Amino acid sequence: MKNIAAIIAIIATAAFAGNMINIGLSYASYWQSLDPIAFMQDFKAKFIPYLLPPTAATLLPALIATALSVFFNWKSPATRSLWLIALFGVLLTIVITLIYHLPTNLAFIDMKYSAAEATSKLQIWMLLHWVRVIVAIAAAVFAILGFQKSSNK
């Protein structure tokens, strides 16, 4: 079970990072090219069917499997510290999402922003999105390191 949790943590965290890279390079780049009102309309049409499912399908298993990996490696301080860093990364992406992206996404969907506000919010959205990407990649790297450390025993 220990190795299964670790492998799921690695795959799910890396898949989440890959999904975030895809969103940043495809959808978000496209959105920045649109008129702000057209952007919010497009966001509304694409968020629930195309963006939310792969995010949830990768982030939830990443969180659960990484937390389990911390638990399974608790008695090994060196390995545990690697898994704790990976878990911190996953949790940080969730915190950023809950504090900024989720409320902003819902406001985009409801078209609550003026054109100027939408442009400003999208710029911040993009900046924080790339922070999430970097953190998710780091979390995946530390998950790999944690798995390697636990396998070398």
Protein backbone atom coordinates (compact mmCIF):
# COMPACT_ATOMS: atom_id res chain seq x y z
CA MET A 1 0.00 0.00 0.00
CA LYS A 2 2.91 2.33 0.78
CA ASN A 3 4.31 2.09 -2.76
CA ILE A 4 0.86 2.35 -4.35
CA ALA A 5 0.15 5.58 -2.45
CA ALA A 6 3.55 6.97 -3.44
CA ILE A 7 3.09 6.12 -7.11
CA ILE A 8 -0.41 7.64 -7.14
CA ALA A 9 0.95 10.75 -5.40
CA ILE A 10 3.67 11.15 -8.03
CA ILE A 11 1.39 10.52 -11.00
CA ALA A 12 -1.48 12.67 -9.71
CA THR A 13 0.74 15.58 -8.68
CA ALA A 14 2.61 15.54 -11.98
CA ALA A 15 -0.69 15.22 -13.87
CA PHE A 16 -2.07 18.19 -11.95
CA ALA A 17 1.03 20.21 -12.85
CA GLY A 18 0.67 19.16 -16.48
CA ASN A 19 -2.98 20.13 -16.48
CA MET A 20 -2.08 23.53 -15.04
CA ILE A 21 0.60 24.00 -17.72
CA ASN A 22 -1.98 23.15 -20.38
CA ILE A 23 -4.44 25.67 -18.95
CA GLY A 24 -1.78 28.38 -18.79
CA LEU A 25 -0.39 27.84 -22.27
CA SER A 26 -3.65 27.20 -24.10
CA TYR A 27 -6.81 28.51 -22.45
CA ALA A 28 -5.31 31.40 -20.50
CA SER A 29 -3.17 32.60 -23.37
CA TYR A 30 -6.25 32.55 -25.58
CA TRP A 31 -8.32 34.37 -22.95
CA GLN A 32 -5.76 37.15 -22.77
CA SER A 33 -6.21 37.73 -26.49
CA LEU A 34 -9.96 38.29 -26.16
CA ASP A 35 -11.99 41.33 -25.32
CA PRO A 36 -12.65 41.12 -21.54
CA ILE A 37 -16.39 40.52 -21.94
CA ALA A 38 -15.80 37.85 -24.61
CA PHE A 39 -13.22 36.29 -22.28
CA MET A 40 -15.72 35.99 -19.43
CA GLN A 41 -18.29 34.47 -21.80
CA ASP A 42 -15.73 31.95 -23.03
CA PHE A 43 -14.61 31.21 -19.48
CA LYS A 44 -18.22 30.56 -18.48
CA ALA A 45 -18.65 28.14 -21.38
CA LYS A 46 -15.42 26.21 -20.73
CA PHE A 47 -14.78 26.20 -16.98
CA ILE A 48 -17.18 23.50 -15.78
CA PRO A 49 -17.02 21.06 -18.71
CA TYR A 50 -13.32 21.38 -19.61
CA LEU A 51 -11.28 22.86 -16.76
CA LEU A 52 -12.86 21.72 -13.51
CA PRO A 53 -13.01 17.92 -14.10
CA PRO A 54 -9.31 17.32 -14.89
CA THR A 55 -8.28 19.64 -12.08
CA ALA A 56 -10.41 17.81 -9.52
CA ALA A 57 -9.49 14.41 -10.96
CA THR A 58 -5.78 15.08 -10.43
CA LEU A 59 -5.68 17.33 -7.37
CA LEU A 60 -7.86 15.21 -5.08
CA PRO A 61 -5.85 11.99 -5.61
CA ALA A 62 -2.63 14.01 -5.29
CA LEU A 63 -3.74 15.33 -1.91
CA ILE A 64 -4.95 11.99 -0.56
CA ALA A 65 -2.01 9.93 -1.81
CA THR A 66 0.57 12.47 -0.68
CA ALA A 67 -1.00 12.65 2.79
CA LEU A 68 -0.98 8.85 2.95
CA SER A 69 2.67 8.83 1.91
CA VAL A 70 3.50 11.19 4.78
CA PHE A 71 1.67 8.81 7.13
CA PHE A 72 3.36 5.68 5.75
CA ASN A 73 6.82 7.28 6.08
CA TRP A 74 6.27 8.96 9.43
CA LYS A 75 8.90 6.89 11.26
CA SER A 76 11.65 7.82 8.80
CA PRO A 77 12.51 11.50 9.39
CA ALA A 78 14.51 12.00 6.18
CA THR A 79 11.83 10.42 3.99
CA ARG A 80 9.01 12.02 5.94
CA SER A 81 10.50 15.49 5.39
CA LEU A 82 10.49 14.99 1.61
CA TRP A 83 6.86 13.87 1.67
CA LEU A 84 5.93 16.76 3.96
CA ILE A 85 7.42 19.22 1.47
CA ALA A 86 5.44 17.53 -1.31
CA LEU A 87 2.28 17.74 0.81
CA PHE A 88 2.96 21.39 1.61
CA GLY A 89 3.18 22.07 -2.14
CA VAL A 90 -0.11 20.34 -2.85
CA LEU A 91 -1.76 22.18 0.04
CA LEU A 92 -0.32 25.51 -1.10
CA THR A 93 -1.84 25.06 -4.56
CA ILE A 94 -5.18 24.31 -2.90
CA VAL A 95 -4.92 27.40 -0.68
CA ILE A 96 -4.11 29.66 -3.65
CA THR A 97 -7.00 28.12 -5.56
CA LEU A 98 -9.48 28.55 -2.71
CA ILE A 99 -8.42 32.08 -1.79
CA TYR A 100 -8.03 33.58 -5.26
CA HIS A 101 -8.87 31.37 -8.21
CA LEU A 102 -12.18 29.88 -7.07
CA PRO A 103 -13.85 33.18 -6.10
CA THR A 104 -12.43 34.89 -9.18
CA ASN A 105 -13.52 32.01 -11.43
CA LEU A 106 -17.06 32.20 -10.05
CA ALA A 107 -17.10 35.96 -10.61
CA PHE A 108 -15.88 35.45 -14.20
CA ILE A 109 -18.67 32.91 -14.74
CA ASP A 110 -21.26 35.32 -13.33
CA MET A 111 -19.69 38.15 -15.37
CA LYS A 112 -19.49 40.32 -12.26
CA TYR A 113 -16.55 42.38 -13.46
CA SER A 114 -16.39 45.38 -15.74
CA ALA A 115 -14.06 45.10 -18.73
CA ALA A 116 -11.26 46.90 -16.86
CA GLU A 117 -11.74 44.80 -13.72
CA ALA A 118 -11.80 41.57 -15.73
CA THR A 119 -8.52 42.49 -17.44
CA SER A 120 -6.86 43.25 -14.10
CA LYS A 121 -8.27 40.12 -12.44
CA LEU A 122 -7.11 37.95 -15.35
CA GLN A 123 -3.56 39.33 -15.06
CA ILE A 124 -3.46 38.45 -11.36
CA TRP A 125 -5.12 35.11 -12.16
CA MET A 126 -2.32 34.34 -14.63
CA LEU A 127 0.44 35.35 -12.23
CA LEU A 128 -0.94 33.18 -9.44
CA HIS A 129 -1.65 30.39 -11.90
CA TRP A 130 2.05 30.17 -12.80
CA VAL A 131 2.90 30.22 -9.09
CA ARG A 132 0.64 27.17 -8.73
CA VAL A 133 2.40 25.50 -11.66
CA ILE A 134 5.84 26.02 -10.12
CA VAL A 135 4.66 24.81 -6.72
CA ALA A 136 2.96 21.75 -8.25
CA ILE A 137 6.11 20.84 -10.19
CA ALA A 138 8.16 21.19 -7.00
CA ALA A 139 5.64 19.02 -5.13
CA ALA A 140 5.94 16.33 -7.81
CA VAL A 141 9.75 16.46 -7.62
CA PHE A 142 9.67 16.07 -3.83
CA ALA A 143 7.19 13.20 -4.16
CA ILE A 144 9.64 11.47 -6.51
CA LEU A 145 12.50 12.12 -4.07
CA GLY A 146 10.41 10.79 -1.19
CA PHE A 147 9.59 7.64 -3.12
CA GLN A 148 13.24 7.13 -4.08
CA LYS A 149 14.35 7.63 -0.48
CA SER A 150 11.78 5.15 0.84
CA SER A 151 12.68 2.61 -1.88
CA ASN A 152 16.41 2.75 -1.07
CA LYS A 153 15.93 1.34 2.40
